[in-house]
Amino acid sequence: MGLEFLARVRRTTLWTGAVAALTVATYGAPLLALAFLLGAVWSLANLRLIELLVVALTGPERGGSRALRRCAVALGGMIALFAAGALLLSRLSPVWLMAGFSWPFGVIVLKAASSLVLETAFWKRLVASRWRAAAAVAVLVAGAWWAATAWSGAGTPGAGGAPHATHLLASAQSPAAPETQAGEAARHGEEEQGPQKFPNVIGLLARAFPDAPWARFLHQFEVVIYSMFIAILLCVVAFIASRRPQMIPGPLQNVVETLVEGLHDFVVGILGPRHGPRYVPFLGTLFIYILAMNLFGLIPFMDSPTSSLNVTVSLALVVFLFSQYIGFRELGFVGYFDHMMGSPRTFIGWILVPLMLPIHLMGELAKPISLSCRLFGNIFGEDMLLVAFATLGVTTLSFAHLPFGLPLQLPFMFLALLTSTLQALVFTVLSTIYFLLMLPHDEHAHEGEAQHAH
C-alpha cells in the first residue's frame, strides 16, 4: 500500500464523505453536516501534508533544496491547519468534527480489510457462483436497509418521546414561547414561500449560520455572487487557453479556438463581413456567458443565475441599450427616427407615421421583455422539473425510510443540457437580429450582391 493507495483513499473519502454530509444535512441539521464535512477535509489535508513530509524526508531527493522546501511547506501547512482546527472546534460541534476527522481512517481500514478479504479462498468461492454472490448482495442491502430504518426512526418523535417532551416542557415554562414560536413560524413560512430549487452552497451556509451577518449577505446577493464567479471562471479559462498559444494546440486551446471560430462565422454570416467582426466579441461572450450560467445549475450544490429574473432582465437591458446605441451611431439621429417611423418615402408612408411610430417604439420596448422572460422561464422551469422528479424519486422509496431515492431526474438532466444550449443560442440569435435591424440595410444589400457576384 503506497501513494496510489492513499490517492484512492482520498477519492473514496471525498465522495463518500459528501454523501454522508448530504444525508446528515437532510435528516439532521446543515450545521452538523458542515462540521462533519470540514472535519473530513481537515483530516485529508493533514494526511496530505504528512505524505508530503514523508516523501521529502525519505524520497530520492532527500537532503536537497527541493526536499527542504517541501519540508518547510509541510510544516507550515500543519501549523496553519492546527490553527484552523482550533477555530473549528470553537465554532462547530466537536463530536461531528471528530466524526469527520475519523472518516478517512475508517476508509483506510475498510479498504485494507477489503484487499485482504479479496485474496481469501472464501471470497473466491463466494464469487465463483453468481447465485451465492447475489445472495450476499441481498444480505448486504437488507442490512443497510435495516440500519437506515433504525437510524431514521430513532430521530422521530414516536421513537422515544424525550425530545418532543423536552420541547413541550420548555414551551410550557417560557411565557413568551407561543409568541416567539408564532414569529419564528411566520418567518419560516415567509422564507419557504414559493417553489424551492435544489439546495446550493450559499443556501446551506445561510441555513447553517442564520444569525451571521456574512451568511445573510451571501444569501442576499446569492445570484450576483454566482454570476460574478462564473464570469471570473470564464476569464481564467480564456487566460489559460490563450497564455501560450501553440501551432499544434492542446485540448483546451483546441476547444476554445473551435468555439471562437464557430461563433465568428455565425455572427458574420448574419451581420455581414463589414459589421460582423465588430460585434463578434460582444455576441460571442454573451453566448458563452449565458451557456455557462445555464449549465452551472446542473452541478450539484450550485445554482443557475439565469433562473433569476434579475439576471435575465439585466442581460436583456444590456442588449437593448447596445442595440439603440448602434442605431444612433450607424444611422445618425435623423436616420434613427426615420427608422422608427418606418422609413416613409411615399405619401401613404407619411400618412402611416402616426401609426408606425408607436408600433416601432412598443416593439423596441418589448424586445428586452421577451428576451428576459423567455430565458428565465425556460431555465427556471427546467430547474423545477428536475426538482419535481427528484422529489418523486425520493417519495417512491419513502416507505422504506431510506436516505436516498430513485434518480428519476437523471433523463431530464440530459434534456437540460440540450435546452440550456438552445436557450443561450436563441438569446444570441435574437440579439444578433436586433443589431442587424439597426444597421444600414442598403449597405448590407450591396455587400450581399457583391458576395453573390464573387
Protein backbone atom coordinates (compact mmCIF):
# COMPACT_ATOMS: atom_id res chain seq x y z
CA MET A 1 0.00 0.00 0.00
CA GLY A 2 1.83 3.09 -1.29
CA LEU A 3 1.00 6.50 -2.65
CA GLU A 4 -1.51 5.05 -5.11
CA PHE A 5 -3.44 3.51 -2.21
CA LEU A 6 -3.53 6.88 -0.42
CA ALA A 7 -4.77 8.57 -3.61
CA ARG A 8 -7.63 6.05 -3.83
CA VAL A 9 -8.39 6.68 -0.15
CA ARG A 10 -8.65 10.42 -0.79
CA ARG A 11 -11.01 9.96 -3.72
CA THR A 12 -13.19 7.49 -1.83
CA THR A 13 -13.25 9.71 1.25
CA LEU A 14 -14.33 12.74 -0.77
CA TRP A 15 -17.34 11.19 -2.45
CA THR A 16 -18.46 9.05 0.49
CA GLY A 17 -17.99 12.00 2.87
CA ALA A 18 -20.06 14.21 0.57
CA VAL A 19 -22.86 11.62 0.50
CA ALA A 20 -22.70 11.25 4.30
CA ALA A 21 -22.75 15.02 4.81
CA LEU A 22 -25.74 15.35 2.48
CA THR A 23 -27.56 12.65 4.45
CA VAL A 24 -26.80 14.43 7.74
CA ALA A 25 -28.00 17.74 6.29
CA THR A 26 -31.22 16.12 5.09
CA TYR A 27 -32.12 14.15 8.23
CA GLY A 28 -30.22 16.20 10.81
CA ALA A 29 -29.07 19.81 10.61
CA PRO A 30 -26.97 21.67 7.99
CA LEU A 31 -24.59 22.89 10.68
CA LEU A 32 -23.81 19.31 11.75
CA ALA A 33 -23.25 18.29 8.13
CA LEU A 34 -20.89 21.23 7.67
CA ALA A 35 -18.94 20.20 10.78
CA PHE A 36 -18.68 16.62 9.52
CA LEU A 37 -17.52 17.70 6.07
CA LEU A 38 -14.96 20.18 7.39
CA GLY A 39 -13.62 17.52 9.75
CA ALA A 40 -13.12 15.12 6.84
CA VAL A 41 -11.44 17.82 4.74
CA TRP A 42 -9.18 18.73 7.69
CA SER A 43 -8.16 15.09 8.09
CA LEU A 44 -7.45 14.68 4.37
CA ALA A 45 -5.35 17.86 4.32
CA ASN A 46 -3.40 16.61 7.34
CA LEU A 47 -2.75 13.24 5.68
CA ARG A 48 -1.62 15.00 2.51
CA LEU A 49 0.85 17.16 4.45
CA ILE A 50 2.18 14.10 6.29
CA GLU A 51 2.59 12.32 2.95
CA LEU A 52 4.47 15.34 1.55
CA LEU A 53 6.75 15.42 4.59
CA VAL A 54 7.50 11.69 4.47
CA VAL A 55 8.25 11.79 0.74
CA ALA A 56 10.59 14.76 1.25
CA LEU A 57 12.45 13.01 4.07
CA THR A 58 12.68 9.52 2.57
CA GLY A 59 12.48 10.12 -1.18
CA PRO A 60 15.35 10.09 -3.67
CA GLU A 61 15.72 13.89 -3.40
CA ARG A 62 16.15 13.95 0.37
CA GLY A 63 18.79 16.37 1.58
CA GLY A 64 18.39 18.63 -1.46
CA SER A 65 16.99 22.14 -1.61
CA ARG A 66 13.74 20.92 -3.14
CA ALA A 67 13.21 18.44 -0.32
CA LEU A 68 13.90 21.16 2.24
CA ARG A 69 11.32 23.42 0.61
CA ARG A 70 8.78 20.62 0.71
CA CYS A 71 9.51 20.04 4.40
CA ALA A 72 9.07 23.74 5.13
CA VAL A 73 5.79 23.83 3.21
CA ALA A 74 4.52 20.71 5.02
CA LEU A 75 5.45 22.03 8.47
CA GLY A 76 3.99 25.47 7.76
CA GLY A 77 0.82 23.90 6.45
CA MET A 78 0.50 21.76 9.55
CA ILE A 79 0.79 24.80 11.82
CA ALA A 80 -1.88 26.65 9.81
CA LEU A 81 -4.02 23.52 9.75
CA PHE A 82 -3.91 23.10 13.52
CA ALA A 83 -4.81 26.76 13.97
CA ALA A 84 -7.80 26.25 11.66
CA GLY A 85 -8.73 23.13 13.64
CA ALA A 86 -8.75 25.10 16.90
CA LEU A 87 -11.03 27.68 15.29
CA LEU A 88 -13.39 24.97 14.02
CA LEU A 89 -13.55 23.33 17.45
CA SER A 90 -14.60 26.63 19.00
CA ARG A 91 -17.35 27.27 16.43
CA LEU A 92 -18.74 23.87 15.42
CA SER A 93 -19.80 20.64 17.11
CA PRO A 94 -16.68 18.77 18.34
CA VAL A 95 -18.48 15.41 18.08
CA TRP A 96 -19.27 15.84 14.39
CA LEU A 97 -15.85 17.31 13.70
CA MET A 98 -14.27 14.20 15.21
CA ALA A 99 -16.64 12.01 13.19
CA GLY A 100 -15.50 13.71 10.00
CA PHE A 101 -11.88 13.58 11.12
CA SER A 102 -12.07 9.82 11.65
CA TRP A 103 -13.87 9.20 8.35
CA PRO A 104 -10.66 8.85 6.23
CA PHE A 105 -9.22 6.43 8.77
CA GLY A 106 -12.37 4.32 8.53
CA VAL A 107 -11.98 4.32 4.75
CA ILE A 108 -8.36 3.21 5.12
CA VAL A 109 -9.34 0.36 7.44
CA LEU A 110 -12.17 -0.80 5.17
CA LYS A 111 -10.01 -0.63 2.06
CA ALA A 112 -7.21 -2.56 3.75
CA ALA A 113 -9.69 -5.15 5.06
CA SER A 114 -11.31 -5.50 1.64
CA SER A 115 -7.93 -6.02 -0.04
CA LEU A 116 -7.27 -8.84 2.42
CA VAL A 117 -10.72 -10.37 2.03
CA LEU A 118 -10.50 -10.37 -1.78
CA GLU A 119 -7.48 -12.68 -1.63
CA THR A 120 -9.10 -15.27 0.65
CA ALA A 121 -10.40 -18.62 -0.56
CA PHE A 122 -13.82 -17.90 0.97
CA TRP A 123 -14.31 -14.82 -1.22
CA LYS A 124 -13.18 -16.65 -4.33
CA ARG A 125 -15.67 -19.47 -3.64
CA LEU A 126 -18.38 -16.87 -2.94
CA VAL A 127 -17.99 -15.01 -6.23
CA ALA A 128 -17.47 -18.20 -8.22
CA SER A 129 -21.23 -18.72 -8.24
CA ARG A 130 -23.45 -15.83 -9.27
CA TRP A 131 -26.25 -17.14 -7.06
CA ARG A 132 -24.10 -17.03 -3.94
CA ALA A 133 -22.84 -13.58 -4.92
CA ALA A 134 -26.42 -12.34 -5.47
CA ALA A 135 -27.44 -13.75 -2.07
CA ALA A 136 -24.50 -11.92 -0.42
CA VAL A 137 -25.53 -8.66 -2.10
CA ALA A 138 -29.12 -9.17 -0.96
CA VAL A 139 -27.95 -9.69 2.62
CA LEU A 140 -25.86 -6.51 2.49
CA VAL A 141 -28.75 -4.49 1.04
CA ALA A 142 -31.14 -5.84 3.69
CA GLY A 143 -28.66 -4.98 6.44
CA ALA A 144 -28.18 -1.45 5.10
CA TRP A 145 -31.96 -1.09 4.83
CA TRP A 146 -32.44 -2.17 8.42
CA ALA A 147 -29.68 0.15 9.68
CA ALA A 148 -31.09 3.14 7.77
CA THR A 149 -34.61 2.42 9.03
CA ALA A 150 -33.44 2.10 12.63
CA TRP A 151 -31.34 5.29 12.40
CA SER A 152 -34.08 7.40 10.80
CA GLY A 153 -36.71 6.01 13.18
CA ALA A 154 -34.61 6.92 16.20
CA GLY A 155 -35.00 10.62 15.39
CA THR A 156 -38.79 10.58 15.09
CA PRO A 157 -40.98 11.72 17.98
CA GLY A 158 -42.57 8.29 18.24
CA ALA A 159 -39.25 6.53 18.69
CA GLY A 160 -38.74 7.88 22.13
CA GLY A 161 -40.70 10.93 23.13
CA ALA A 162 -37.88 12.57 25.05
CA PRO A 163 -37.02 15.23 22.51
CA HIS A 164 -40.67 16.02 21.91
CA ALA A 165 -41.45 16.08 25.63
CA THR A 166 -38.45 18.30 26.33
CA HIS A 167 -39.60 20.71 23.66
CA LEU A 168 -43.09 20.83 25.14
CA LEU A 169 -41.71 21.34 28.66
CA ALA A 170 -39.55 24.22 27.50
CA SER A 171 -42.52 25.75 25.73
CA ALA A 172 -44.67 25.50 28.86
CA GLN A 173 -42.02 27.05 31.11
CA SER A 174 -41.43 30.07 28.86
CA PRO A 175 -44.29 32.62 28.94
CA ALA A 176 -43.23 34.25 25.71
CA ALA A 177 -42.80 30.92 23.96
CA PRO A 178 -46.09 30.97 21.98
CA GLU A 179 -45.42 34.44 20.62
CA THR A 180 -41.81 33.58 19.82
CA GLN A 181 -42.80 30.34 18.12
CA ALA A 182 -45.50 32.13 16.16
CA GLY A 183 -43.00 34.73 14.98
CA GLU A 184 -40.49 32.06 14.04
CA ALA A 185 -43.16 30.09 12.22
CA ALA A 186 -44.22 33.24 10.34
CA ARG A 187 -40.63 33.97 9.36
CA HIS A 188 -40.12 30.36 8.38
CA GLY A 189 -43.25 30.49 6.27
CA GLU A 190 -42.00 33.63 4.53
CA GLU A 191 -38.66 32.00 3.78
CA GLU A 192 -40.27 28.82 2.46
CA GLN A 193 -42.84 30.67 0.38
CA GLY A 194 -42.82 29.80 -3.31
CA PRO A 195 -41.26 26.90 -5.18
CA GLN A 196 -37.92 25.72 -3.82
CA LYS A 197 -34.98 24.72 -6.01
CA PHE A 198 -32.17 22.33 -5.19
CA PRO A 199 -30.05 23.47 -2.21
CA ASN A 200 -26.81 25.20 -3.10
CA VAL A 201 -23.67 26.03 -1.16
CA ILE A 202 -24.69 29.57 -0.24
CA GLY A 203 -28.17 28.47 0.80
CA LEU A 204 -26.75 25.76 3.05
CA LEU A 205 -24.35 28.25 4.66
CA ALA A 206 -27.23 30.67 5.23
CA ARG A 207 -29.23 27.89 6.93
CA ALA A 208 -26.25 26.73 8.97
CA PHE A 209 -25.41 30.25 10.20
CA PRO A 210 -28.77 32.08 10.21
CA ASP A 211 -27.58 34.82 12.60
CA ALA A 212 -24.20 35.52 10.99
CA PRO A 213 -24.07 38.82 9.07
CA TRP A 214 -21.80 37.37 6.39
CA ALA A 215 -24.23 34.49 5.80
CA ARG A 216 -27.13 36.92 5.37
CA PHE A 217 -25.02 38.99 2.99
CA LEU A 218 -24.16 35.92 0.89
CA HIS A 219 -27.79 34.82 0.80
CA GLN A 220 -28.99 38.31 -0.17
CA PHE A 221 -26.54 38.63 -3.06
CA GLU A 222 -26.52 34.94 -3.97
CA VAL A 223 -27.37 35.46 -7.64
CA VAL A 224 -24.79 38.23 -8.05
CA ILE A 225 -22.09 36.09 -6.42
CA TYR A 226 -22.77 33.12 -8.71
CA SER A 227 -22.82 35.41 -11.77
CA MET A 228 -19.51 37.01 -10.84
CA PHE A 229 -17.96 33.64 -10.02
CA ILE A 230 -18.91 32.25 -13.44
CA ALA A 231 -17.55 35.38 -15.16
CA ILE A 232 -14.24 35.08 -13.30
CA LEU A 233 -14.09 31.35 -14.08
CA LEU A 234 -14.56 32.03 -17.81
CA CYS A 235 -11.86 34.72 -17.71
CA VAL A 236 -9.45 32.27 -16.06
CA VAL A 237 -10.19 29.59 -18.68
CA ALA A 238 -9.71 32.10 -21.51
CA PHE A 239 -6.43 33.29 -19.97
CA ILE A 240 -5.09 29.76 -19.60
CA ALA A 241 -6.12 28.82 -23.16
CA SER A 242 -4.51 31.91 -24.72
CA ARG A 243 -1.50 32.30 -22.44
CA ARG A 244 0.84 30.14 -24.52
CA PRO A 245 -0.70 29.54 -27.96
CA GLN A 246 0.91 26.73 -29.95
CA MET A 247 0.88 25.78 -33.59
CA ILE A 248 -0.31 22.33 -32.57
CA PRO A 249 -2.93 23.27 -29.98
CA GLY A 250 -3.60 21.30 -26.86
CA PRO A 251 -7.08 20.08 -25.87
CA LEU A 252 -8.15 23.32 -24.11
CA GLN A 253 -6.76 25.62 -26.79
CA ASN A 254 -8.36 23.46 -29.48
CA VAL A 255 -11.80 23.62 -27.84
CA VAL A 256 -11.60 27.39 -27.28
CA GLU A 257 -10.38 28.09 -30.83
CA THR A 258 -13.13 25.91 -32.31
CA LEU A 259 -15.77 27.71 -30.26
CA VAL A 260 -14.46 31.16 -31.17
CA GLU A 261 -14.20 30.30 -34.86
CA GLY A 262 -17.74 28.91 -34.88
CA LEU A 263 -19.16 32.00 -33.18
CA HIS A 264 -17.24 34.28 -35.54
CA ASP A 265 -18.60 32.54 -38.62
CA PHE A 266 -22.11 32.52 -37.14
CA VAL A 267 -22.21 36.24 -36.34
CA VAL A 268 -20.50 37.32 -39.57
CA GLY A 269 -22.93 35.16 -41.53
CA ILE A 270 -25.83 37.19 -40.13
CA LEU A 271 -24.37 40.72 -39.89
CA GLY A 272 -22.10 40.56 -42.94
CA PRO A 273 -18.33 40.83 -43.28
CA ARG A 274 -18.30 44.61 -42.82
CA HIS A 275 -20.10 44.94 -39.49
CA GLY A 276 -19.95 41.35 -38.23
CA PRO A 277 -16.36 41.21 -36.89
CA ARG A 278 -17.00 44.36 -34.85
CA TYR A 279 -19.75 42.68 -32.81
CA VAL A 280 -18.31 39.16 -32.57
CA PRO A 281 -16.62 39.82 -29.15
CA PHE A 282 -19.86 41.06 -27.57
CA LEU A 283 -22.22 38.48 -29.05
CA GLY A 284 -19.77 35.59 -28.64
CA THR A 285 -19.15 36.49 -25.00
CA LEU A 286 -22.90 36.79 -24.47
CA PHE A 287 -23.48 33.26 -25.78
CA ILE A 288 -20.66 31.67 -23.75
CA TYR A 289 -21.66 33.52 -20.56
CA ILE A 290 -25.34 32.59 -20.81
CA LEU A 291 -24.50 28.98 -21.67
CA ALA A 292 -22.17 28.71 -18.66
CA MET A 293 -24.80 30.19 -16.34
CA ASN A 294 -27.46 27.83 -17.72
CA LEU A 295 -25.30 24.73 -17.24
CA PHE A 296 -23.91 25.77 -13.86
CA GLY A 297 -27.13 24.81 -12.11
CA LEU A 298 -26.70 21.18 -13.20
CA ILE A 299 -23.61 20.90 -10.98
CA PRO A 300 -24.52 19.59 -7.50
CA PHE A 301 -24.84 22.32 -4.85
CA MET A 302 -24.61 25.07 -7.48
CA ASP A 303 -27.27 27.32 -8.99
CA SER A 304 -28.11 28.78 -12.41
CA PRO A 305 -28.10 32.60 -12.18
CA THR A 306 -30.32 32.72 -15.27
CA SER A 307 -33.12 31.10 -13.24
CA SER A 308 -33.45 34.53 -11.59
CA LEU A 309 -35.37 37.25 -13.41
CA ASN A 310 -32.89 39.86 -12.15
CA VAL A 311 -30.06 38.36 -14.22
CA THR A 312 -32.08 37.82 -17.40
CA VAL A 313 -33.52 41.34 -17.26
CA SER A 314 -30.02 42.76 -16.80
CA LEU A 315 -28.73 40.85 -19.82
CA ALA A 316 -31.72 41.90 -21.92
CA LEU A 317 -31.30 45.56 -20.92
CA VAL A 318 -27.64 45.47 -21.93
CA VAL A 319 -28.60 44.11 -25.36
CA PHE A 320 -31.42 46.69 -25.68
CA LEU A 321 -29.21 49.66 -24.79
CA PHE A 322 -26.40 48.45 -27.03
CA SER A 323 -28.77 47.99 -29.98
CA GLN A 324 -30.11 51.55 -29.52
CA TYR A 325 -26.55 52.83 -29.37
CA ILE A 326 -25.78 51.00 -32.62
CA GLY A 327 -28.82 52.62 -34.21
CA PHE A 328 -27.77 56.15 -33.22
CA ARG A 329 -24.15 55.56 -34.23
CA GLU A 330 -24.77 53.86 -37.57
CA LEU A 331 -27.90 55.73 -38.69
CA GLY A 332 -27.45 59.08 -37.01
CA PHE A 333 -30.08 61.00 -35.06
CA VAL A 334 -32.26 61.67 -38.09
CA GLY A 335 -31.77 58.20 -39.54
CA TYR A 336 -32.70 56.59 -36.21
CA PHE A 337 -36.05 58.37 -36.05
CA ASP A 338 -36.56 57.71 -39.76
CA HIS A 339 -36.11 54.00 -38.93
CA MET A 340 -38.61 54.30 -36.08
CA MET A 341 -41.13 55.94 -38.34
CA GLY A 342 -40.88 53.06 -40.80
CA SER A 343 -38.65 54.88 -43.33
CA PRO A 344 -41.52 56.69 -45.10
CA ARG A 345 -40.73 57.56 -48.72
CA THR A 346 -44.22 57.93 -50.20
CA PHE A 347 -47.32 59.92 -49.37
CA ILE A 348 -49.01 56.84 -47.90
CA GLY A 349 -45.91 56.15 -45.81
CA TRP A 350 -46.01 59.62 -44.26
CA ILE A 351 -49.71 59.25 -43.52
CA LEU A 352 -48.99 55.99 -41.63
CA VAL A 353 -46.24 57.57 -39.50
CA PRO A 354 -48.58 58.24 -36.51
CA LEU A 355 -49.42 54.53 -36.56
CA MET A 356 -45.98 53.11 -37.34
CA LEU A 357 -44.02 55.18 -34.80
CA PRO A 358 -45.88 53.88 -31.69
CA ILE A 359 -45.76 50.34 -33.10
CA HIS A 360 -41.99 50.51 -33.60
CA LEU A 361 -41.47 52.06 -30.16
CA MET A 362 -43.57 49.38 -28.46
CA GLY A 363 -41.74 46.73 -30.45
CA GLU A 364 -38.36 48.04 -29.25
CA LEU A 365 -39.57 48.13 -25.63
CA ALA A 366 -40.95 44.59 -25.94
CA LYS A 367 -37.59 43.18 -27.03
CA PRO A 368 -35.93 43.15 -23.56
CA ILE A 369 -39.15 41.82 -22.02
CA SER A 370 -39.34 38.89 -24.44
CA LEU A 371 -35.60 38.15 -24.13
CA SER A 372 -35.59 38.15 -20.33
CA CYS A 373 -38.87 36.29 -19.78
CA ARG A 374 -38.06 33.58 -22.35
CA LEU A 375 -34.67 32.78 -20.83
CA PHE A 376 -35.90 32.99 -17.24
CA GLY A 377 -39.00 30.89 -17.87
CA ASN A 378 -37.15 28.08 -19.60
CA ILE A 379 -34.27 27.80 -17.12
CA PHE A 380 -36.48 28.19 -14.04
CA GLY A 381 -38.97 25.68 -15.42
CA GLU A 382 -36.11 23.31 -16.16
CA ASP A 383 -34.93 23.55 -12.54
CA MET A 384 -38.45 22.99 -11.23
CA LEU A 385 -38.85 19.94 -13.47
CA LEU A 386 -35.66 18.40 -12.07
CA VAL A 387 -36.78 19.17 -8.50
CA ALA A 388 -40.21 17.63 -9.13
CA PHE A 389 -38.82 14.36 -10.46
CA ALA A 390 -36.12 14.19 -7.80
CA THR A 391 -38.83 14.62 -5.14
CA LEU A 392 -40.91 11.95 -6.83
CA GLY A 393 -37.92 9.60 -6.76
CA VAL A 394 -37.47 10.18 -3.02
CA THR A 395 -41.16 9.72 -2.21
CA THR A 396 -41.22 6.49 -4.22
CA LEU A 397 -38.96 4.85 -1.61
CA SER A 398 -40.33 6.76 1.38
CA PHE A 399 -41.97 3.60 2.72
CA ALA A 400 -38.50 2.08 3.19
CA HIS A 401 -37.14 5.07 5.21
CA LEU A 402 -34.03 5.14 3.02
CA PRO A 403 -31.82 8.28 2.89
CA PHE A 404 -31.93 8.25 -0.94
CA GLY A 405 -34.39 7.75 -3.74
CA LEU A 406 -34.69 6.71 -7.36
CA PRO A 407 -32.82 9.06 -9.74
CA LEU A 408 -35.90 9.85 -11.83
CA GLN A 409 -34.46 13.27 -12.72
CA LEU A 410 -31.44 11.79 -14.49
CA PRO A 411 -33.00 11.56 -18.01
CA PHE A 412 -34.18 15.15 -17.73
CA MET A 413 -30.67 16.33 -16.87
CA PHE A 414 -29.55 15.22 -20.34
CA LEU A 415 -32.54 17.07 -21.75
CA ALA A 416 -31.49 20.12 -19.71
CA LEU A 417 -28.09 20.08 -21.44
CA LEU A 418 -29.87 20.48 -24.77
CA THR A 419 -32.39 23.10 -23.65
CA SER A 420 -29.71 25.18 -21.89
CA THR A 421 -27.65 25.29 -25.08
CA LEU A 422 -30.72 26.11 -27.18
CA GLN A 423 -31.78 28.96 -24.90
CA ALA A 424 -28.30 30.50 -25.00
CA LEU A 425 -28.34 30.19 -28.79
CA VAL A 426 -31.84 31.70 -29.08
CA PHE A 427 -30.86 34.66 -26.90
CA THR A 428 -27.75 35.27 -29.01
CA VAL A 429 -29.56 34.84 -32.35
CA LEU A 430 -32.27 37.33 -31.37
CA SER A 431 -29.66 39.80 -30.11
CA THR A 432 -27.79 39.48 -33.41
CA ILE A 433 -31.00 40.09 -35.36
CA TYR A 434 -31.76 43.16 -33.23
CA PHE A 435 -28.32 44.51 -34.12
CA LEU A 436 -28.93 43.70 -37.78
CA LEU A 437 -32.17 45.67 -37.77
CA MET A 438 -30.31 48.74 -36.51
CA LEU A 439 -27.59 48.58 -39.17
CA PRO A 440 -27.92 50.32 -42.56
CA HIS A 441 -29.88 47.91 -44.73
CA ASP A 442 -28.75 49.29 -48.09
CA GLU A 443 -25.11 48.57 -47.35
CA HIS A 444 -25.95 45.00 -46.39
CA ALA A 445 -27.81 44.55 -49.64
CA HIS A 446 -24.85 45.82 -51.65
CA GLU A 447 -22.49 43.54 -49.68
CA GLY A 448 -24.72 40.55 -50.34
CA GLU A 449 -24.83 41.34 -54.05
CA ALA A 450 -21.04 41.67 -54.16
CA GLN A 451 -20.57 38.35 -52.35
CA HIS A 452 -23.05 36.69 -54.70
CA ALA A 453 -21.20 38.10 -57.71
CA HIS A 454 -17.87 36.78 -56.42
